[in-house]
Amino acid sequence: MVKNLKSILFPEIDKEKLREIAGKIAGTLIKRFSEYEKHLLKEQFGDITSEVLESEVVRIILEKRQKLQDREEVSFSFLYTIVKNKLIDEYVKKKTVTGSEPIEADVFKEDVNYVRKIFILELVEIVKENFSERELEILCWVISKERKEESGFLKEMSQNAKYKAWSRLKPKLSDVFKNCGGVNEEEFFLFCEIFMSEICSRFR
C-alpha cells in the first residue's frame, strides 16, 4: 500500500480502494484522538468506531479532491493529516474556540517533510502505547544494530535470544505499520530516528 494514492482519486475514483484507505485512516485517528476529542465527537456521531468515522473520512477526502489533483504525490500521511485537521476543525475546535479560523487548508501549504514528520511522530506514539517495555527495548536494539551503532540494549540476553525476540516482534510492528497505511523508505528512516531519540534513551 506504500505508494502514491493519487491513483485512487484520478482520473476516476476507485471506490473500493478509497474505502480501504478511509478505514485505515479512521482506525489510526481513533488511536490518536484525546479523550476530550473523543467525547466531543461522540456528541456528534453517537459512537466512535472505525466504521462510524469511515464515511466522514471519505467525505472529507472527496471534498478536497480538486485540491489534491494539483499535487504531484498524495501520501497516506498527507490524507491522514487533512482528515484529522478537518474533523478537529468541524467538531472539536468550533465547540472550544469562538470565531476561530479553519485550519485544514493550512496542510496544503505545508512542506511535505513537515506533514510526514507530524504523522511519524503519531506513529511512534502508537507503537509506544501498544508495545511493552521489553518490546520497545527490542526495537531499540534492532534499530541500533541496523544503524551499526553501539546499542547497550538487552545486555542480559544472548545474541541468539535477541534475534528470536525480534522475529516474534517483527509481525506485530508490521501490523502497526500496515494498519496505519504503511510507510515508505523515507518515512521508515524518519520513524527510526525519532523512535531512537524519543524512546530509546531510557534503556541505555
Protein backbone atom coordinates (compact mmCIF):
# COMPACT_ATOMS: atom_id res chain seq x y z
CA MET A 1 0.00 0.00 0.00
CA VAL A 2 3.00 2.32 0.23
CA LYS A 3 2.51 4.29 -2.98
CA ASN A 4 1.17 7.48 -4.47
CA LEU A 5 -2.51 7.35 -3.50
CA LYS A 6 -3.43 9.92 -6.11
CA SER A 7 -4.24 6.99 -8.41
CA ILE A 8 -7.30 6.08 -6.32
CA LEU A 9 -8.81 9.54 -6.94
CA PHE A 10 -7.77 10.29 -10.52
CA PRO A 11 -8.74 10.05 -13.27
CA GLU A 12 -11.66 8.11 -11.77
CA ILE A 13 -12.44 7.37 -8.14
CA ASP A 14 -11.62 3.81 -7.11
CA LYS A 15 -14.36 3.42 -4.50
CA GLU A 16 -13.12 0.11 -3.10
CA LYS A 17 -9.56 1.33 -2.53
CA LEU A 18 -10.79 4.67 -1.23
CA ARG A 19 -12.86 2.82 1.39
CA GLU A 20 -9.84 0.72 2.31
CA ILE A 21 -7.68 3.82 2.84
CA ALA A 22 -10.50 5.57 4.70
CA GLY A 23 -10.83 2.63 7.09
CA LYS A 24 -7.13 2.73 7.91
CA ILE A 25 -7.22 6.49 8.44
CA ALA A 26 -10.26 6.12 10.71
CA GLY A 27 -8.58 3.36 12.73
CA THR A 28 -5.44 5.45 13.18
CA LEU A 29 -7.45 8.51 14.21
CA ILE A 30 -9.24 6.58 16.93
CA LYS A 31 -5.87 5.60 18.42
CA ARG A 32 -4.66 9.21 18.44
CA PHE A 33 -7.70 11.29 19.47
CA SER A 34 -7.57 12.53 23.06
CA GLU A 35 -10.35 11.51 25.44
CA TYR A 36 -11.77 15.02 25.25
CA GLU A 37 -11.78 14.96 21.44
CA LYS A 38 -13.49 11.56 21.51
CA HIS A 39 -16.11 12.98 23.89
CA LEU A 40 -16.95 15.83 21.52
CA LEU A 41 -17.01 13.52 18.51
CA LYS A 42 -19.36 11.14 20.33
CA GLU A 43 -21.77 14.05 20.79
CA GLN A 44 -21.84 14.36 17.02
CA PHE A 45 -21.80 10.71 15.93
CA GLY A 46 -23.13 8.83 18.96
CA ASP A 47 -20.24 6.37 18.88
CA ILE A 48 -16.63 6.46 17.71
CA THR A 49 -15.63 3.38 15.74
CA SER A 50 -13.69 2.91 12.53
CA GLU A 51 -16.96 2.14 10.75
CA VAL A 52 -18.61 5.34 12.01
CA LEU A 53 -15.68 7.55 11.04
CA GLU A 54 -15.01 5.88 7.70
CA SER A 55 -17.83 7.70 5.90
CA GLU A 56 -16.63 11.02 7.31
CA VAL A 57 -13.12 10.29 6.09
CA VAL A 58 -14.42 9.55 2.58
CA ARG A 59 -16.50 12.75 2.63
CA ILE A 60 -13.53 14.91 3.59
CA ILE A 61 -11.20 13.35 1.01
CA LEU A 62 -13.78 13.86 -1.74
CA GLU A 63 -14.30 17.46 -0.62
CA LYS A 64 -10.57 18.05 -1.09
CA ARG A 65 -10.33 16.08 -4.33
CA GLN A 66 -9.84 19.07 -6.62
CA LYS A 67 -7.06 20.49 -4.46
CA LEU A 68 -5.42 17.09 -4.33
CA GLN A 69 -5.35 16.97 -8.12
CA ASP A 70 -2.73 19.73 -8.16
CA ARG A 71 -0.29 17.71 -6.05
CA GLU A 72 2.32 15.50 -7.65
CA GLU A 73 2.09 12.97 -4.82
CA VAL A 74 -0.67 12.17 -2.35
CA SER A 75 0.62 10.06 0.53
CA PHE A 76 -1.28 8.34 3.31
CA SER A 77 0.31 10.72 5.82
CA PHE A 78 -0.95 13.72 3.84
CA LEU A 79 -4.53 12.39 3.61
CA TYR A 80 -4.45 11.47 7.30
CA THR A 81 -3.38 14.99 8.27
CA ILE A 82 -6.03 16.64 6.10
CA VAL A 83 -8.78 14.47 7.58
CA LYS A 84 -7.66 14.87 11.18
CA ASN A 85 -7.43 18.65 10.93
CA LYS A 86 -10.82 18.87 9.22
CA LEU A 87 -12.53 16.72 11.86
CA ILE A 88 -10.99 18.75 14.68
CA ASP A 89 -11.94 21.98 12.94
CA GLU A 90 -15.56 20.92 12.39
CA TYR A 91 -16.40 19.03 15.55
CA VAL A 92 -13.86 19.99 18.22
CA LYS A 93 -12.41 23.43 17.60
CA LYS A 94 -15.75 25.11 16.88
CA LYS A 95 -17.00 23.98 20.30
CA THR A 96 -14.00 25.28 22.18
CA VAL A 97 -12.89 28.45 20.35
CA THR A 98 -15.44 31.04 19.26
CA GLY A 99 -14.82 32.69 15.92
CA SER A 100 -11.82 30.52 15.10
CA GLU A 101 -10.48 30.29 11.57
CA PRO A 102 -10.42 26.96 9.70
CA ILE A 103 -7.12 25.12 9.99
CA GLU A 104 -7.38 22.29 7.49
CA ALA A 105 -6.42 24.42 4.46
CA ASP A 106 -3.01 25.07 6.02
CA VAL A 107 -1.97 21.49 5.32
CA PHE A 108 -1.83 22.22 1.59
CA LYS A 109 0.68 24.98 2.24
CA GLU A 110 3.00 22.88 4.38
CA ASP A 111 6.17 21.25 3.12
CA VAL A 112 5.71 17.52 2.56
CA ASN A 113 8.54 16.77 5.01
CA TYR A 114 6.71 18.66 7.76
CA VAL A 115 3.49 16.72 7.19
CA ARG A 116 5.44 13.46 7.09
CA LYS A 117 7.15 14.23 10.40
CA ILE A 118 3.85 15.03 12.13
CA PHE A 119 2.45 11.68 11.01
CA ILE A 120 5.56 9.73 12.04
CA LEU A 121 5.51 11.35 15.48
CA GLU A 122 1.99 9.99 15.90
CA LEU A 123 3.09 6.59 14.62
CA VAL A 124 5.86 6.49 17.25
CA GLU A 125 3.25 7.25 19.91
CA ILE A 126 1.04 4.41 18.67
CA VAL A 127 3.95 1.97 18.95
CA LYS A 128 4.81 3.33 22.40
CA GLU A 129 1.23 2.84 23.61
CA ASN A 130 0.85 -0.69 22.22
CA PHE A 131 4.25 -2.25 22.94
CA SER A 132 5.53 -3.45 26.30
CA GLU A 133 8.74 -2.01 27.76
CA ARG A 134 10.64 -5.13 26.69
CA GLU A 135 9.23 -4.92 23.17
CA LEU A 136 10.27 -1.27 22.94
CA GLU A 137 13.80 -2.17 24.00
CA ILE A 138 13.93 -4.98 21.44
CA LEU A 139 13.01 -2.46 18.76
CA CYS A 140 15.70 -0.09 20.05
CA TRP A 141 18.23 -2.91 19.74
CA VAL A 142 17.17 -3.71 16.17
CA ILE A 143 17.32 -0.09 15.04
CA SER A 144 20.73 0.48 16.62
CA LYS A 145 22.01 -2.74 15.03
CA GLU A 146 20.81 -1.67 11.58
CA ARG A 147 22.43 1.72 12.08
CA LYS A 148 25.66 -0.02 13.17
CA GLU A 149 25.68 1.80 16.49
CA GLU A 150 26.81 0.59 19.90
CA SER A 151 23.49 -0.20 21.47
CA GLY A 152 23.86 -1.31 25.06
CA PHE A 153 20.32 -2.68 24.82
CA LEU A 154 19.20 -6.08 26.13
CA LYS A 155 22.53 -6.65 27.85
CA GLU A 156 21.29 -9.65 29.78
CA MET A 157 20.23 -11.53 26.62
CA SER A 158 22.38 -13.61 24.29
CA GLN A 159 22.57 -12.67 20.61
CA ASN A 160 20.51 -15.73 19.72
CA ALA A 161 17.80 -14.75 22.21
CA LYS A 162 17.75 -11.20 20.83
CA TYR A 163 17.21 -12.40 17.28
CA LYS A 164 14.45 -14.77 18.39
CA ALA A 165 12.76 -11.95 20.30
CA TRP A 166 12.90 -9.74 17.22
CA SER A 167 11.48 -12.48 14.98
CA ARG A 168 8.46 -12.66 17.31
CA LEU A 169 8.06 -8.88 17.46
CA LYS A 170 8.51 -8.12 13.77
CA PRO A 171 4.99 -9.20 12.69
CA LYS A 172 3.46 -7.01 15.39
CA LEU A 173 5.39 -3.97 14.15
CA SER A 174 4.46 -4.79 10.56
CA ASP A 175 0.79 -4.91 11.55
CA VAL A 176 1.04 -1.47 13.18
CA PHE A 177 2.57 -0.01 10.03
CA LYS A 178 0.04 -1.77 7.80
CA ASN A 179 -2.93 -0.63 9.88
CA CYS A 180 -1.64 2.94 9.71
CA GLY A 181 -1.41 2.94 5.95
CA GLY A 182 2.14 1.69 5.55
CA VAL A 183 5.39 3.64 5.44
CA ASN A 184 7.81 4.24 2.60
CA GLU A 185 11.59 4.10 2.94
CA GLU A 186 11.97 7.76 3.88
CA GLU A 187 9.21 7.51 6.46
CA PHE A 188 10.74 4.36 7.94
CA PHE A 189 14.13 6.03 8.36
CA LEU A 190 12.42 9.00 9.99
CA PHE A 191 10.49 6.64 12.28
CA CYS A 192 13.77 5.01 13.37
CA GLU A 193 15.39 8.38 14.00
CA ILE A 194 12.51 9.72 16.08
CA PHE A 195 12.00 6.42 17.90
CA MET A 196 15.66 6.30 18.94
CA SER A 197 15.51 9.90 20.13
CA GLU A 198 12.16 9.75 21.92
CA ILE A 199 12.07 6.21 23.30
CA CYS A 200 15.45 4.51 23.45
CA SER A 201 17.42 6.79 25.77
CA ARG A 202 15.64 5.31 28.79
CA PHE A 203 17.10 1.86 28.10
CA ARG A 204 20.75 2.86 27.79
